mmCIF file of all heavy atoms, coordinates in Angstrom:
data_MODEL
# 
_entry.id   MODEL 
# 
loop_
_atom_site.group_PDB 
_atom_site.id 
_atom_site.type_symbol 
_atom_site.label_atom_id 
_atom_site.label_alt_id 
_atom_site.label_comp_id 
_atom_site.label_asym_id 
_atom_site.label_entity_id 
_atom_site.label_seq_id 
_atom_site.pdbx_PDB_ins_code 
_atom_site.Cartn_x 
_atom_site.Cartn_y 
_atom_site.Cartn_z 
_atom_site.occupancy 
_atom_site.B_iso_or_equiv 
_atom_site.pdbx_formal_charge 
_atom_site.auth_seq_id 
_atom_site.auth_comp_id 
_atom_site.auth_asym_id 
_atom_site.auth_atom_id 
_atom_site.pdbx_PDB_model_num 
ATOM 1   N N   . GLY A 1 1  ? 160.307 79.587  85.584 1.00 0.00 ? 1  GLY A N   1 
ATOM 2   C CA  . GLY A 1 1  ? 160.877 80.856  86.018 1.00 0.00 ? 1  GLY A CA  1 
ATOM 3   C C   . GLY A 1 1  ? 161.413 81.692  84.863 1.00 0.00 ? 1  GLY A C   1 
ATOM 4   O O   . GLY A 1 1  ? 161.096 82.893  84.767 1.00 0.00 ? 1  GLY A O   1 
ATOM 5   N N   . PRO A 1 2  ? 162.223 81.120  83.954 1.00 0.00 ? 2  PRO A N   1 
ATOM 6   C CA  . PRO A 1 2  ? 162.708 81.903  82.807 1.00 0.00 ? 2  PRO A CA  1 
ATOM 7   C C   . PRO A 1 2  ? 161.582 82.435  81.927 1.00 0.00 ? 2  PRO A C   1 
ATOM 8   O O   . PRO A 1 2  ? 161.633 83.575  81.463 1.00 0.00 ? 2  PRO A O   1 
ATOM 9   C CB  . PRO A 1 2  ? 163.584 80.903  82.057 1.00 0.00 ? 2  PRO A CB  1 
ATOM 10  C CG  . PRO A 1 2  ? 164.069 79.964  83.103 1.00 0.00 ? 2  PRO A CG  1 
ATOM 11  C CD  . PRO A 1 2  ? 162.910 79.822  84.049 1.00 0.00 ? 2  PRO A CD  1 
ATOM 12  N N   . LEU A 1 3  ? 160.545 81.623  81.703 1.00 0.00 ? 3  LEU A N   1 
ATOM 13  C CA  . LEU A 1 3  ? 159.420 82.100  80.890 1.00 0.00 ? 3  LEU A CA  1 
ATOM 14  C C   . LEU A 1 3  ? 158.659 83.204  81.615 1.00 0.00 ? 3  LEU A C   1 
ATOM 15  O O   . LEU A 1 3  ? 158.219 84.179  80.987 1.00 0.00 ? 3  LEU A O   1 
ATOM 16  C CB  . LEU A 1 3  ? 158.473 80.951  80.552 1.00 0.00 ? 3  LEU A CB  1 
ATOM 17  C CG  . LEU A 1 3  ? 159.002 79.870  79.609 1.00 0.00 ? 3  LEU A CG  1 
ATOM 18  C CD1 . LEU A 1 3  ? 157.907 78.854  79.312 1.00 0.00 ? 3  LEU A CD1 1 
ATOM 19  C CD2 . LEU A 1 3  ? 159.530 80.453  78.321 1.00 0.00 ? 3  LEU A CD2 1 
ATOM 20  N N   . HIS A 1 4  ? 158.486 83.077  82.923 1.00 0.00 ? 4  HIS A N   1 
ATOM 21  C CA  . HIS A 1 4  ? 157.849 84.149  83.693 1.00 0.00 ? 4  HIS A CA  1 
ATOM 22  C C   . HIS A 1 4  ? 158.632 85.457  83.525 1.00 0.00 ? 4  HIS A C   1 
ATOM 23  O O   . HIS A 1 4  ? 158.049 86.533  83.325 1.00 0.00 ? 4  HIS A O   1 
ATOM 24  C CB  . HIS A 1 4  ? 157.808 83.788  85.188 1.00 0.00 ? 4  HIS A CB  1 
ATOM 25  C CG  . HIS A 1 4  ? 156.752 82.808  85.566 1.00 0.00 ? 4  HIS A CG  1 
ATOM 26  N ND1 . HIS A 1 4  ? 155.524 82.730  84.943 1.00 0.00 ? 4  HIS A ND1 1 
ATOM 27  C CD2 . HIS A 1 4  ? 156.735 81.849  86.556 1.00 0.00 ? 4  HIS A CD2 1 
ATOM 28  C CE1 . HIS A 1 4  ? 154.799 81.782  85.511 1.00 0.00 ? 4  HIS A CE1 1 
ATOM 29  N NE2 . HIS A 1 4  ? 155.516 81.232  86.482 1.00 0.00 ? 4  HIS A NE2 1 
ATOM 30  N N   . ALA A 1 5  ? 159.958 85.361  83.617 1.00 0.00 ? 5  ALA A N   1 
ATOM 31  C CA  . ALA A 1 5  ? 160.793 86.562  83.538 1.00 0.00 ? 5  ALA A CA  1 
ATOM 32  C C   . ALA A 1 5  ? 160.668 87.240  82.188 1.00 0.00 ? 5  ALA A C   1 
ATOM 33  O O   . ALA A 1 5  ? 160.540 88.468  82.097 1.00 0.00 ? 5  ALA A O   1 
ATOM 34  C CB  . ALA A 1 5  ? 162.250 86.198  83.825 1.00 0.00 ? 5  ALA A CB  1 
ATOM 35  N N   . VAL A 1 6  ? 160.691 86.450  81.099 1.00 0.00 ? 6  VAL A N   1 
ATOM 36  C CA  . VAL A 1 6  ? 160.591 87.027  79.755 1.00 0.00 ? 6  VAL A CA  1 
ATOM 37  C C   . VAL A 1 6  ? 159.193 87.588  79.515 1.00 0.00 ? 6  VAL A C   1 
ATOM 38  O O   . VAL A 1 6  ? 159.027 88.677  78.951 1.00 0.00 ? 6  VAL A O   1 
ATOM 39  C CB  . VAL A 1 6  ? 160.951 85.976  78.690 1.00 0.00 ? 6  VAL A CB  1 
ATOM 40  C CG1 . VAL A 1 6  ? 160.737 86.531  77.284 1.00 0.00 ? 6  VAL A CG1 1 
ATOM 41  C CG2 . VAL A 1 6  ? 162.412 85.539  78.856 1.00 0.00 ? 6  VAL A CG2 1 
ATOM 42  N N   . ALA A 1 7  ? 158.158 86.864  79.964 1.00 0.00 ? 7  ALA A N   1 
ATOM 43  C CA  . ALA A 1 7  ? 156.790 87.348  79.805 1.00 0.00 ? 7  ALA A CA  1 
ATOM 44  C C   . ALA A 1 7  ? 156.576 88.640  80.589 1.00 0.00 ? 7  ALA A C   1 
ATOM 45  O O   . ALA A 1 7  ? 155.893 89.565  80.126 1.00 0.00 ? 7  ALA A O   1 
ATOM 46  C CB  . ALA A 1 7  ? 155.800 86.274  80.257 1.00 0.00 ? 7  ALA A CB  1 
ATOM 47  N N   . GLN A 1 8  ? 157.153 88.723  81.779 1.00 0.00 ? 8  GLN A N   1 
ATOM 48  C CA  . GLN A 1 8  ? 157.019 89.936  82.582 1.00 0.00 ? 8  GLN A CA  1 
ATOM 49  C C   . GLN A 1 8  ? 157.688 91.120  81.899 1.00 0.00 ? 8  GLN A C   1 
ATOM 50  O O   . GLN A 1 8  ? 157.152 92.232  81.893 1.00 0.00 ? 8  GLN A O   1 
ATOM 51  C CB  . GLN A 1 8  ? 157.625 89.707  83.968 1.00 0.00 ? 8  GLN A CB  1 
ATOM 52  C CG  . GLN A 1 8  ? 157.426 90.863  84.933 1.00 0.00 ? 8  GLN A CG  1 
ATOM 53  C CD  . GLN A 1 8  ? 155.948 91.151  85.199 1.00 0.00 ? 8  GLN A CD  1 
ATOM 54  O OE1 . GLN A 1 8  ? 155.132 90.230  85.252 1.00 0.00 ? 8  GLN A OE1 1 
ATOM 55  N NE2 . GLN A 1 8  ? 155.596 92.417  85.370 1.00 0.00 ? 8  GLN A NE2 1 
ATOM 56  N N   . LYS A 1 9  ? 158.852 90.878  81.320 1.00 0.00 ? 9  LYS A N   1 
ATOM 57  C CA  . LYS A 1 9  ? 159.547 91.944  80.607 1.00 0.00 ? 9  LYS A CA  1 
ATOM 58  C C   . LYS A 1 9  ? 158.724 92.429  79.427 1.00 0.00 ? 9  LYS A C   1 
ATOM 59  O O   . LYS A 1 9  ? 158.652 93.625  79.146 1.00 0.00 ? 9  LYS A O   1 
ATOM 60  C CB  . LYS A 1 9  ? 160.911 91.435  80.138 1.00 0.00 ? 9  LYS A CB  1 
ATOM 61  C CG  . LYS A 1 9  ? 161.783 92.506  79.506 1.00 0.00 ? 9  LYS A CG  1 
ATOM 62  C CD  . LYS A 1 9  ? 163.169 91.950  79.196 1.00 0.00 ? 9  LYS A CD  1 
ATOM 63  C CE  . LYS A 1 9  ? 164.062 93.033  78.575 1.00 0.00 ? 9  LYS A CE  1 
ATOM 64  N NZ  . LYS A 1 9  ? 165.430 92.515  78.297 1.00 0.00 ? 9  LYS A NZ  1 
ATOM 65  N N   . ARG A 1 10 ? 158.072 91.497  78.740 1.00 0.00 ? 10 ARG A N   1 
ATOM 66  C CA  . ARG A 1 10 ? 157.207 91.854  77.614 1.00 0.00 ? 10 ARG A CA  1 
ATOM 67  C C   . ARG A 1 10 ? 156.023 92.682  78.103 1.00 0.00 ? 10 ARG A C   1 
ATOM 68  O O   . ARG A 1 10 ? 155.656 93.685  77.478 1.00 0.00 ? 10 ARG A O   1 
ATOM 69  C CB  . ARG A 1 10 ? 156.703 90.593  76.919 1.00 0.00 ? 10 ARG A CB  1 
ATOM 70  C CG  . ARG A 1 10 ? 157.734 89.922  76.044 1.00 0.00 ? 10 ARG A CG  1 
ATOM 71  C CD  . ARG A 1 10 ? 157.921 90.654  74.740 1.00 0.00 ? 10 ARG A CD  1 
ATOM 72  N NE  . ARG A 1 10 ? 156.680 90.612  73.964 1.00 0.00 ? 10 ARG A NE  1 
ATOM 73  C CZ  . ARG A 1 10 ? 156.336 91.531  73.063 1.00 0.00 ? 10 ARG A CZ  1 
ATOM 74  N NH1 . ARG A 1 10 ? 157.108 92.574  72.855 1.00 0.00 ? 10 ARG A NH1 1 
ATOM 75  N NH2 . ARG A 1 10 ? 155.220 91.420  72.382 1.00 0.00 ? 10 ARG A NH2 1 
ATOM 76  N N   . ALA A 1 11 ? 155.401 92.257  79.192 1.00 0.00 ? 11 ALA A N   1 
ATOM 77  C CA  . ALA A 1 11 ? 154.231 92.977  79.713 1.00 0.00 ? 11 ALA A CA  1 
ATOM 78  C C   . ALA A 1 11 ? 154.611 94.398  80.100 1.00 0.00 ? 11 ALA A C   1 
ATOM 79  O O   . ALA A 1 11 ? 153.879 95.358  79.798 1.00 0.00 ? 11 ALA A O   1 
ATOM 80  C CB  . ALA A 1 11 ? 153.651 92.217  80.910 1.00 0.00 ? 11 ALA A CB  1 
ATOM 81  N N   . GLU A 1 12 ? 155.740 94.558  80.760 1.00 0.00 ? 12 GLU A N   1 
ATOM 82  C CA  . GLU A 1 12 ? 156.176 95.893  81.181 1.00 0.00 ? 12 GLU A CA  1 
ATOM 83  C C   . GLU A 1 12 ? 156.535 96.766  79.982 1.00 0.00 ? 12 GLU A C   1 
ATOM 84  O O   . GLU A 1 12 ? 156.291 97.981  79.999 1.00 0.00 ? 12 GLU A O   1 
ATOM 85  C CB  . GLU A 1 12 ? 157.369 95.755  82.127 1.00 0.00 ? 12 GLU A CB  1 
ATOM 86  C CG  . GLU A 1 12 ? 156.980 95.146  83.476 1.00 0.00 ? 12 GLU A CG  1 
ATOM 87  C CD  . GLU A 1 12 ? 158.183 94.784  84.329 1.00 0.00 ? 12 GLU A CD  1 
ATOM 88  O OE1 . GLU A 1 12 ? 159.336 95.026  83.876 1.00 0.00 ? 12 GLU A OE1 1 
ATOM 89  O OE2 . GLU A 1 12 ? 157.990 94.259  85.450 1.00 0.00 ? 12 GLU A OE2 1 
ATOM 90  N N   . ALA A 1 13 ? 157.082 96.170  78.925 1.00 0.00 ? 13 ALA A N   1 
ATOM 91  C CA  . ALA A 1 13 ? 157.403 96.934  77.715 1.00 0.00 ? 13 ALA A CA  1 
ATOM 92  C C   . ALA A 1 13 ? 156.132 97.435  77.030 1.00 0.00 ? 13 ALA A C   1 
ATOM 93  O O   . ALA A 1 13 ? 156.066 98.568  76.543 1.00 0.00 ? 13 ALA A O   1 
ATOM 94  C CB  . ALA A 1 13 ? 158.227 96.078  76.763 1.00 0.00 ? 13 ALA A CB  1 
ATOM 95  N N   . ILE A 1 14 ? 155.107 96.572  76.994 1.00 0.00 ? 14 ILE A N   1 
ATOM 96  C CA  . ILE A 1 14 ? 153.832 96.979  76.395 1.00 0.00 ? 14 ILE A CA  1 
ATOM 97  C C   . ILE A 1 14 ? 153.195 98.091  77.220 1.00 0.00 ? 14 ILE A C   1 
ATOM 98  O O   . ILE A 1 14 ? 152.652 99.064  76.682 1.00 0.00 ? 14 ILE A O   1 
ATOM 99  C CB  . ILE A 1 14 ? 152.888 95.759  76.277 1.00 0.00 ? 14 ILE A CB  1 
ATOM 100 C CG1 . ILE A 1 14 ? 153.450 94.765  75.252 1.00 0.00 ? 14 ILE A CG1 1 
ATOM 101 C CG2 . ILE A 1 14 ? 151.480 96.200  75.867 1.00 0.00 ? 14 ILE A CG2 1 
ATOM 102 C CD1 . ILE A 1 14 ? 152.727 93.435  75.241 1.00 0.00 ? 14 ILE A CD1 1 
ATOM 103 N N   . GLN A 1 15 ? 153.260 97.963  78.536 1.00 0.00 ? 15 GLN A N   1 
ATOM 104 C CA  . GLN A 1 15 ? 152.715 99.002  79.409 1.00 0.00 ? 15 GLN A CA  1 
ATOM 105 C C   . GLN A 1 15 ? 153.434 100.331 79.188 1.00 0.00 ? 15 GLN A C   1 
ATOM 106 O O   . GLN A 1 15 ? 152.791 101.388 79.081 1.00 0.00 ? 15 GLN A O   1 
ATOM 107 C CB  . GLN A 1 15 ? 152.860 98.573  80.870 1.00 0.00 ? 15 GLN A CB  1 
ATOM 108 C CG  . GLN A 1 15 ? 152.379 99.627  81.871 1.00 0.00 ? 15 GLN A CG  1 
ATOM 109 C CD  . GLN A 1 15 ? 152.462 99.131  83.304 1.00 0.00 ? 15 GLN A CD  1 
ATOM 110 O OE1 . GLN A 1 15 ? 151.911 98.096  83.643 1.00 0.00 ? 15 GLN A OE1 1 
ATOM 111 N NE2 . GLN A 1 15 ? 153.165 99.873  84.149 1.00 0.00 ? 15 GLN A NE2 1 
ATOM 112 N N   . ALA A 1 16 ? 154.764 100.293 79.097 1.00 0.00 ? 16 ALA A N   1 
ATOM 113 C CA  . ALA A 1 16 ? 155.541 101.518 78.875 1.00 0.00 ? 16 ALA A CA  1 
ATOM 114 C C   . ALA A 1 16 ? 155.253 102.121 77.510 1.00 0.00 ? 16 ALA A C   1 
ATOM 115 O O   . ALA A 1 16 ? 155.211 103.350 77.354 1.00 0.00 ? 16 ALA A O   1 
ATOM 116 C CB  . ALA A 1 16 ? 157.032 101.218 79.017 1.00 0.00 ? 16 ALA A CB  1 
ATOM 117 N N   . HIS A 1 17 ? 155.029 101.264 76.528 1.00 0.00 ? 17 HIS A N   1 
ATOM 118 C CA  . HIS A 1 17 ? 154.714 101.726 75.173 1.00 0.00 ? 17 HIS A CA  1 
ATOM 119 C C   . HIS A 1 17 ? 153.329 102.356 75.102 1.00 0.00 ? 17 HIS A C   1 
ATOM 120 O O   . HIS A 1 17 ? 153.068 103.224 74.260 1.00 0.00 ? 17 HIS A O   1 
ATOM 121 C CB  . HIS A 1 17 ? 154.821 100.548 74.197 1.00 0.00 ? 17 HIS A CB  1 
ATOM 122 C CG  . HIS A 1 17 ? 154.511 100.871 72.785 1.00 0.00 ? 17 HIS A CG  1 
ATOM 123 N ND1 . HIS A 1 17 ? 155.300 101.688 72.009 1.00 0.00 ? 17 HIS A ND1 1 
ATOM 124 C CD2 . HIS A 1 17 ? 153.467 100.490 71.980 1.00 0.00 ? 17 HIS A CD2 1 
ATOM 125 C CE1 . HIS A 1 17 ? 154.776 101.792 70.794 1.00 0.00 ? 17 HIS A CE1 1 
ATOM 126 N NE2 . HIS A 1 17 ? 153.659 101.076 70.763 1.00 0.00 ? 17 HIS A NE2 1 
ATOM 127 N N   . GLY A 1 18 ? 152.430 101.899 75.957 1.00 0.00 ? 18 GLY A N   1 
ATOM 128 C CA  . GLY A 1 18 ? 151.084 102.448 75.998 1.00 0.00 ? 18 GLY A CA  1 
ATOM 129 C C   . GLY A 1 18 ? 150.123 101.815 75.017 1.00 0.00 ? 18 GLY A C   1 
ATOM 130 O O   . GLY A 1 18 ? 149.032 102.333 74.781 1.00 0.00 ? 18 GLY A O   1 
ATOM 131 N N   . GLY A 1 19 ? 150.500 100.681 74.433 1.00 0.00 ? 19 GLY A N   1 
ATOM 132 C CA  . GLY A 1 19 ? 149.609 100.023 73.477 1.00 0.00 ? 19 GLY A CA  1 
ATOM 133 C C   . GLY A 1 19 ? 150.153 98.670  73.071 1.00 0.00 ? 19 GLY A C   1 
ATOM 134 O O   . GLY A 1 19 ? 151.330 98.353  73.283 1.00 0.00 ? 19 GLY A O   1 
ATOM 135 N N   . LEU A 1 20 ? 149.279 97.867  72.500 1.00 0.00 ? 20 LEU A N   1 
ATOM 136 C CA  . LEU A 1 20 ? 149.674 96.552  72.014 1.00 0.00 ? 20 LEU A CA  1 
ATOM 137 C C   . LEU A 1 20 ? 150.558 96.691  70.777 1.00 0.00 ? 20 LEU A C   1 
ATOM 138 O O   . LEU A 1 20 ? 150.450 97.670  70.045 1.00 0.00 ? 20 LEU A O   1 
ATOM 139 C CB  . LEU A 1 20 ? 148.425 95.731  71.672 1.00 0.00 ? 20 LEU A CB  1 
ATOM 140 C CG  . LEU A 1 20 ? 147.483 95.465  72.845 1.00 0.00 ? 20 LEU A CG  1 
ATOM 141 C CD1 . LEU A 1 20 ? 146.189 94.849  72.357 1.00 0.00 ? 20 LEU A CD1 1 
ATOM 142 C CD2 . LEU A 1 20 ? 148.144 94.560  73.865 1.00 0.00 ? 20 LEU A CD2 1 
ATOM 143 N N   . PRO A 1 21 ? 151.457 95.727  70.526 1.00 0.00 ? 21 PRO A N   1 
ATOM 144 C CA  . PRO A 1 21 ? 152.352 95.824  69.365 1.00 0.00 ? 21 PRO A CA  1 
ATOM 145 C C   . PRO A 1 21 ? 151.589 95.773  68.059 1.00 0.00 ? 21 PRO A C   1 
ATOM 146 O O   . PRO A 1 21 ? 150.611 95.038  67.919 1.00 0.00 ? 21 PRO A O   1 
ATOM 147 C CB  . PRO A 1 21 ? 153.259 94.602  69.531 1.00 0.00 ? 21 PRO A CB  1 
ATOM 148 C CG  . PRO A 1 21 ? 152.490 93.655  70.395 1.00 0.00 ? 21 PRO A CG  1 
ATOM 149 C CD  . PRO A 1 21 ? 151.683 94.502  71.308 1.00 0.00 ? 21 PRO A CD  1 
ATOM 150 N N   . ASP A 1 22 ? 152.035 96.612  67.094 1.00 0.00 ? 22 ASP A N   1 
ATOM 151 C CA  . ASP A 1 22 ? 151.412 96.565  65.776 1.00 0.00 ? 22 ASP A CA  1 
ATOM 152 C C   . ASP A 1 22 ? 152.077 95.475  64.947 1.00 0.00 ? 22 ASP A C   1 
ATOM 153 O O   . ASP A 1 22 ? 152.975 94.766  65.389 1.00 0.00 ? 22 ASP A O   1 
ATOM 154 C CB  . ASP A 1 22 ? 151.498 97.932  65.081 1.00 0.00 ? 22 ASP A CB  1 
ATOM 155 C CG  . ASP A 1 22 ? 152.932 98.405  64.905 1.00 0.00 ? 22 ASP A CG  1 
ATOM 156 O OD1 . ASP A 1 22 ? 153.852 97.566  64.860 1.00 0.00 ? 22 ASP A OD1 1 
ATOM 157 O OD2 . ASP A 1 22 ? 153.140 99.633  64.825 1.00 0.00 ? 22 ASP A OD2 1 
ATOM 158 N N   . GLU A 1 23 ? 151.649 95.339  63.697 1.00 0.00 ? 23 GLU A N   1 
ATOM 159 C CA  . GLU A 1 23 ? 152.135 94.253  62.853 1.00 0.00 ? 23 GLU A CA  1 
ATOM 160 C C   . GLU A 1 23 ? 153.637 94.345  62.621 1.00 0.00 ? 23 GLU A C   1 
ATOM 161 O O   . GLU A 1 23 ? 154.347 93.334  62.640 1.00 0.00 ? 23 GLU A O   1 
ATOM 162 C CB  . GLU A 1 23 ? 151.392 94.262  61.511 1.00 0.00 ? 23 GLU A CB  1 
ATOM 163 C CG  . GLU A 1 23 ? 151.740 93.085  60.615 1.00 0.00 ? 23 GLU A CG  1 
ATOM 164 C CD  . GLU A 1 23 ? 150.886 93.040  59.366 1.00 0.00 ? 23 GLU A CD  1 
ATOM 165 O OE1 . GLU A 1 23 ? 149.914 93.816  59.275 1.00 0.00 ? 23 GLU A OE1 1 
ATOM 166 O OE2 . GLU A 1 23 ? 151.194 92.232  58.480 1.00 0.00 ? 23 GLU A OE2 1 
ATOM 167 N N   . ALA A 1 24 ? 154.142 95.558  62.407 1.00 0.00 ? 24 ALA A N   1 
ATOM 168 C CA  . ALA A 1 24 ? 155.575 95.724  62.171 1.00 0.00 ? 24 ALA A CA  1 
ATOM 169 C C   . ALA A 1 24 ? 156.379 95.301  63.391 1.00 0.00 ? 24 ALA A C   1 
ATOM 170 O O   . ALA A 1 24 ? 157.411 94.628  63.277 1.00 0.00 ? 24 ALA A O   1 
ATOM 171 C CB  . ALA A 1 24 ? 155.884 97.171  61.807 1.00 0.00 ? 24 ALA A CB  1 
ATOM 172 N N   . GLU A 1 25 ? 155.903 95.666  64.573 1.00 0.00 ? 25 GLU A N   1 
ATOM 173 C CA  . GLU A 1 25 ? 156.598 95.274  65.797 1.00 0.00 ? 25 GLU A CA  1 
ATOM 174 C C   . GLU A 1 25 ? 156.531 93.770  66.004 1.00 0.00 ? 25 GLU A C   1 
ATOM 175 O O   . GLU A 1 25 ? 157.495 93.147  66.466 1.00 0.00 ? 25 GLU A O   1 
ATOM 176 C CB  . GLU A 1 25 ? 155.981 95.993  66.997 1.00 0.00 ? 25 GLU A CB  1 
ATOM 177 C CG  . GLU A 1 25 ? 156.238 97.496  67.020 1.00 0.00 ? 25 GLU A CG  1 
ATOM 178 C CD  . GLU A 1 25 ? 155.426 98.191  68.100 1.00 0.00 ? 25 GLU A CD  1 
ATOM 179 O OE1 . GLU A 1 25 ? 154.236 97.865  68.255 1.00 0.00 ? 25 GLU A OE1 1 
ATOM 180 O OE2 . GLU A 1 25 ? 155.993 99.046  68.772 1.00 0.00 ? 25 GLU A OE2 1 
ATOM 181 N N   . ALA A 1 26 ? 155.415 93.171  65.627 1.00 0.00 ? 26 ALA A N   1 
ATOM 182 C CA  . ALA A 1 26 ? 155.259 91.730  65.788 1.00 0.00 ? 26 ALA A CA  1 
ATOM 183 C C   . ALA A 1 26 ? 156.264 90.968  64.939 1.00 0.00 ? 26 ALA A C   1 
ATOM 184 O O   . ALA A 1 26 ? 156.750 89.904  65.329 1.00 0.00 ? 26 ALA A O   1 
ATOM 185 C CB  . ALA A 1 26 ? 153.837 91.312  65.416 1.00 0.00 ? 26 ALA A CB  1 
ATOM 186 N N   . MET A 1 27 ? 156.603 91.516  63.771 1.00 0.00 ? 27 MET A N   1 
ATOM 187 C CA  . MET A 1 27 ? 157.567 90.850  62.895 1.00 0.00 ? 27 MET A CA  1 
ATOM 188 C C   . MET A 1 27 ? 158.955 90.802  63.515 1.00 0.00 ? 27 MET A C   1 
ATOM 189 O O   . MET A 1 27 ? 159.766 89.940  63.193 1.00 0.00 ? 27 MET A O   1 
ATOM 190 C CB  . MET A 1 27 ? 157.630 91.564  61.542 1.00 0.00 ? 27 MET A CB  1 
ATOM 191 C CG  . MET A 1 27 ? 156.356 91.464  60.729 1.00 0.00 ? 27 MET A CG  1 
ATOM 192 S SD  . MET A 1 27 ? 155.896 89.751  60.354 1.00 0.00 ? 27 MET A SD  1 
ATOM 193 C CE  . MET A 1 27 ? 157.223 89.310  59.227 1.00 0.00 ? 27 MET A CE  1 
ATOM 194 N N   . ASN A 1 28 ? 159.253 91.756  64.397 1.00 0.00 ? 28 ASN A N   1 
ATOM 195 C CA  . ASN A 1 28 ? 160.548 91.778  65.067 1.00 0.00 ? 28 ASN A CA  1 
ATOM 196 C C   . ASN A 1 28 ? 160.562 90.949  66.348 1.00 0.00 ? 28 ASN A C   1 
ATOM 197 O O   . ASN A 1 28 ? 161.588 90.846  67.016 1.00 0.00 ? 28 ASN A O   1 
ATOM 198 C CB  . ASN A 1 28 ? 160.947 93.223  65.407 1.00 0.00 ? 28 ASN A CB  1 
ATOM 199 C CG  . ASN A 1 28 ? 161.166 94.055  64.162 1.00 0.00 ? 28 ASN A CG  1 
ATOM 200 O OD1 . ASN A 1 28 ? 161.682 93.565  63.166 1.00 0.00 ? 28 ASN A OD1 1 
ATOM 201 N ND2 . ASN A 1 28 ? 160.781 95.323  64.224 1.00 0.00 ? 28 ASN A ND2 1 
ATOM 202 N N   . LEU A 1 29 ? 159.416 90.383  66.680 1.00 0.00 ? 29 LEU A N   1 
ATOM 203 C CA  . LEU A 1 29 ? 159.281 89.704  67.961 1.00 0.00 ? 29 LEU A CA  1 
ATOM 204 C C   . LEU A 1 29 ? 160.116 88.434  68.034 1.00 0.00 ? 29 LEU A C   1 
ATOM 205 O O   . LEU A 1 29 ? 160.671 88.099  69.080 1.00 0.00 ? 29 LEU A O   1 
ATOM 206 C CB  . LEU A 1 29 ? 157.811 89.371  68.201 1.00 0.00 ? 29 LEU A CB  1 
ATOM 207 C CG  . LEU A 1 29 ? 157.452 88.777  69.568 1.00 0.00 ? 29 LEU A CG  1 
ATOM 208 C CD1 . LEU A 1 29 ? 157.749 89.776  70.662 1.00 0.00 ? 29 LEU A CD1 1 
ATOM 209 C CD2 . LEU A 1 29 ? 155.987 88.377  69.591 1.00 0.00 ? 29 LEU A CD2 1 
ATOM 210 N N   . PHE A 1 30 ? 160.224 87.732  66.921 1.00 0.00 ? 30 PHE A N   1 
ATOM 211 C CA  . PHE A 1 30 ? 160.912 86.443  66.894 1.00 0.00 ? 30 PHE A CA  1 
ATOM 212 C C   . PHE A 1 30 ? 162.303 86.534  67.513 1.00 0.00 ? 30 PHE A C   1 
ATOM 213 O O   . PHE A 1 30 ? 162.621 85.854  68.472 1.00 0.00 ? 30 PHE A O   1 
ATOM 214 C CB  . PHE A 1 30 ? 160.994 85.939  65.449 1.00 0.00 ? 30 PHE A CB  1 
ATOM 215 C CG  . PHE A 1 30 ? 161.903 84.766  65.259 1.00 0.00 ? 30 PHE A CG  1 
ATOM 216 C CD1 . PHE A 1 30 ? 161.450 83.483  65.485 1.00 0.00 ? 30 PHE A CD1 1 
ATOM 217 C CD2 . PHE A 1 30 ? 163.214 84.951  64.866 1.00 0.00 ? 30 PHE A CD2 1 
ATOM 218 C CE1 . PHE A 1 30 ? 162.292 82.402  65.310 1.00 0.00 ? 30 PHE A CE1 1 
ATOM 219 C CE2 . PHE A 1 30 ? 164.057 83.879  64.688 1.00 0.00 ? 30 PHE A CE2 1 
ATOM 220 C CZ  . PHE A 1 30 ? 163.602 82.607  64.911 1.00 0.00 ? 30 PHE A CZ  1 
# 
């Protein structure tokens, strides 16, 4: 359940952003 919630939040953020994260954004992902 916790992983579903975090993954869903990530999916919705990508949708709102309108594109997949670039390299700079990926570095902040951790």
